[in-house]
Amino acid sequence: MGKMLVLATMLGCVLSAQPCPTMEVSIVADKPEVSTRRMNTVDGRIISLNQKPLLTIGDFTNANVSLTEGQIVLNVKTTTDGARRIQTFTEKNVGRQIAFVVNGRLIKLAKILDPITGTSFMLSPFARDEAEKLAASINNKENGCRARDTR
C-alpha cells in the first residue's frame, strides 16, 4: 500500500508514511504575515514560509546523489518553468534562505549563495541514505503523485 519514507538529517529525524511524498522548495519570509505559514525547525525555532511554494514535487524531474567537496549532495533537476522561477527568485535574493520541505516537515534550510541558473541545483549536506531516499522519491513520483502537487 503506502511506502515508508525515512529521513534522517543533521537537523533531526522525520518519519512519515504516505503513498506519495510531497516536496517543495519555499521562500523563508522575513516576518510572519497573512501570506505566510509557520514551520518549526528541529532546534525549536519558528520560521515563516511564503504560503505558495517556489517549487513543488511536480517541478522536479530527476535527482541523484554525489560526493562533492567531501559532502553528500542531492542534485536535483527541474522543469524549464521551475528553473525559470528559481532563477528569477535567487537572482534577486542572494543571502536569503529557502526551505526544503518533505511531507510537511522542514528538512533543510539553505542560504542562497549565488543565483541558481539552469535546470539543476544541489542541496547539501545530507546523510547518504537520506539523500538516496529523497532522490528515489523524486525519480519515482510518477505513480499518481503529480495529482497531489499543490502549487
Protein backbone atom coordinates (compact mmCIF):
# COMPACT_ATOMS: atom_id res chain seq x y z
CA MET A 1 0.00 0.00 0.00
CA GLY A 2 1.90 3.05 1.24
CA LYS A 3 5.64 3.39 1.25
CA MET A 4 7.57 4.33 4.36
CA LEU A 5 9.86 7.26 3.76
CA VAL A 6 12.51 7.61 6.43
CA LEU A 7 14.63 10.74 6.51
CA ALA A 8 17.46 11.33 8.94
CA THR A 9 19.25 14.64 8.59
CA MET A 10 21.70 16.65 10.57
CA LEU A 11 18.63 18.67 11.58
CA GLY A 12 16.82 15.64 13.02
CA CYS A 13 14.66 12.70 12.11
CA VAL A 14 11.36 12.78 10.27
CA LEU A 15 9.13 9.74 9.95
CA SER A 16 6.20 9.76 7.57
CA ALA A 17 4.05 7.12 5.92
CA GLN A 18 2.43 8.44 2.77
CA PRO A 19 1.78 6.75 -0.56
CA CYS A 20 3.17 9.77 -2.43
CA PRO A 21 5.71 12.15 -0.99
CA THR A 22 5.14 15.88 -1.06
CA MET A 23 8.22 18.01 -1.63
CA GLU A 24 8.66 21.71 -2.01
CA VAL A 25 11.18 24.50 -2.02
CA SER A 26 9.71 27.50 -0.24
CA ILE A 27 10.84 31.02 0.46
CA VAL A 28 11.66 31.87 4.07
CA ALA A 29 9.79 35.11 4.83
CA ASP A 30 11.41 37.96 6.72
CA LYS A 31 8.50 38.12 9.16
CA PRO A 32 5.12 36.46 9.73
CA GLU A 33 2.31 37.89 7.61
CA VAL A 34 -1.13 36.86 6.38
CA SER A 35 0.52 35.34 3.30
CA THR A 36 2.91 33.12 5.31
CA ARG A 37 2.68 29.83 7.19
CA ARG A 38 4.58 28.79 10.28
CA MET A 39 7.04 25.93 10.33
CA ASN A 40 9.06 24.56 13.24
CA THR A 41 12.74 23.88 12.90
CA VAL A 42 14.26 20.88 14.65
CA ASP A 43 16.06 23.20 17.07
CA GLY A 44 12.71 24.69 18.16
CA ARG A 45 12.73 27.95 16.24
CA ILE A 46 9.63 29.01 14.36
CA ILE A 47 10.13 30.35 10.86
CA SER A 48 7.63 31.75 8.38
CA LEU A 49 7.40 30.42 4.84
CA ASN A 50 5.57 32.01 1.95
CA GLN A 51 2.18 30.36 1.57
CA LYS A 52 2.84 29.48 -2.07
CA PRO A 53 5.90 27.24 -2.62
CA LEU A 54 8.51 28.28 -5.17
CA LEU A 55 8.81 24.66 -6.39
CA THR A 56 6.74 21.54 -5.68
CA ILE A 57 7.29 17.86 -6.47
CA GLY A 58 5.87 18.34 -9.97
CA ASP A 59 8.73 20.73 -10.75
CA PHE A 60 11.43 18.12 -10.05
CA THR A 61 12.23 15.86 -13.00
CA ASN A 62 15.24 13.90 -11.74
CA ALA A 63 17.58 13.58 -8.79
CA ASN A 64 20.84 11.83 -7.95
CA VAL A 65 23.35 11.71 -5.13
CA SER A 66 27.01 12.60 -5.36
CA LEU A 67 30.02 13.37 -3.20
CA THR A 68 31.05 16.98 -3.83
CA GLU A 69 33.85 18.69 -1.91
CA GLY A 70 33.64 16.00 0.76
CA GLN A 71 29.88 16.37 1.32
CA ILE A 72 26.95 14.18 0.28
CA VAL A 73 24.90 16.27 -2.14
CA LEU A 74 21.40 15.84 -3.57
CA ASN A 75 21.48 17.03 -7.19
CA VAL A 76 18.01 17.89 -8.49
CA LYS A 77 16.84 18.70 -11.98
CA THR A 78 13.76 20.83 -12.58
CA THR A 79 11.34 21.57 -15.37
CA THR A 80 12.05 24.60 -17.54
CA ASP A 81 9.27 26.53 -15.79
CA GLY A 82 10.59 25.56 -12.34
CA ALA A 83 14.11 26.61 -13.38
CA ARG A 84 12.82 29.99 -14.53
CA ARG A 85 11.04 30.60 -11.20
CA ILE A 86 14.02 29.62 -9.04
CA GLN A 87 16.44 31.64 -11.19
CA THR A 88 14.27 34.76 -11.07
CA PHE A 89 13.92 34.50 -7.30
CA THR A 90 17.55 33.69 -6.49
CA GLU A 91 18.95 36.43 -8.74
CA LYS A 92 17.13 38.99 -6.62
CA ASN A 93 17.59 37.30 -3.24
CA VAL A 94 21.21 36.24 -2.71
CA GLY A 95 21.75 35.95 1.03
CA ARG A 96 18.16 34.98 1.85
CA GLN A 97 17.06 31.49 2.84
CA ILE A 98 14.94 28.87 1.15
CA ALA A 99 13.44 25.82 2.83
CA PHE A 100 13.31 22.25 1.53
CA VAL A 101 10.14 20.65 2.92
CA VAL A 102 9.23 16.95 2.61
CA ASN A 103 5.83 15.63 3.67
CA GLY A 104 5.09 18.87 5.51
CA ARG A 105 8.32 18.77 7.54
CA LEU A 106 11.25 21.12 7.22
CA ILE A 107 14.34 19.06 6.47
CA LYS A 108 16.79 21.68 5.22
CA LEU A 109 17.26 25.45 5.33
CA ALA A 110 19.68 26.73 2.71
CA LYS A 111 21.20 30.16 2.29
CA ILE A 112 21.25 31.37 -1.31
CA LEU A 113 24.94 31.90 -2.02
CA ASP A 114 24.63 32.60 -5.76
CA PRO A 115 21.79 32.79 -8.28
CA ILE A 116 20.63 29.34 -9.36
CA THR A 117 20.81 29.19 -13.14
CA GLY A 118 19.98 26.33 -15.48
CA THR A 119 17.66 23.44 -14.75
CA SER A 120 19.59 21.84 -11.91
CA PHE A 121 20.92 22.69 -8.49
CA MET A 122 22.27 20.91 -5.44
CA LEU A 123 21.34 20.76 -1.78
CA SER A 124 23.82 19.73 0.90
CA PRO A 125 24.93 18.36 3.26
CA PHE A 126 22.91 15.18 3.69
CA ALA A 127 23.48 11.75 5.14
CA ARG A 128 23.92 9.39 2.17
CA ASP A 129 20.88 7.22 2.99
CA GLU A 130 18.64 10.27 3.34
CA ALA A 131 19.81 11.76 0.04
CA GLU A 132 19.29 8.43 -1.73
CA LYS A 133 15.73 8.13 -0.37
CA LEU A 134 14.91 11.66 -1.44
CA ALA A 135 16.33 11.03 -4.91
CA ALA A 136 14.30 7.81 -5.19
CA SER A 137 11.15 9.68 -4.18
CA ILE A 138 11.72 12.35 -6.83
CA ASN A 139 12.60 9.79 -9.50
CA ASN A 140 9.61 7.54 -8.72
CA LYS A 141 6.92 10.18 -8.18
CA GLU A 142 5.00 9.34 -11.35
CA ASN A 143 2.73 6.82 -9.61
CA GLY A 144 -0.15 9.28 -9.24
CA CYS A 145 1.79 11.82 -7.20
CA ARG A 146 1.53 14.71 -9.63
CA ALA A 147 -2.16 14.95 -8.77
CA ARG A 148 -1.09 15.90 -5.23
CA ASP A 149 1.06 18.78 -6.44
CA THR A 150 -0.41 21.76 -4.56
CA ARG A 151 1.35 24.73 -6.16
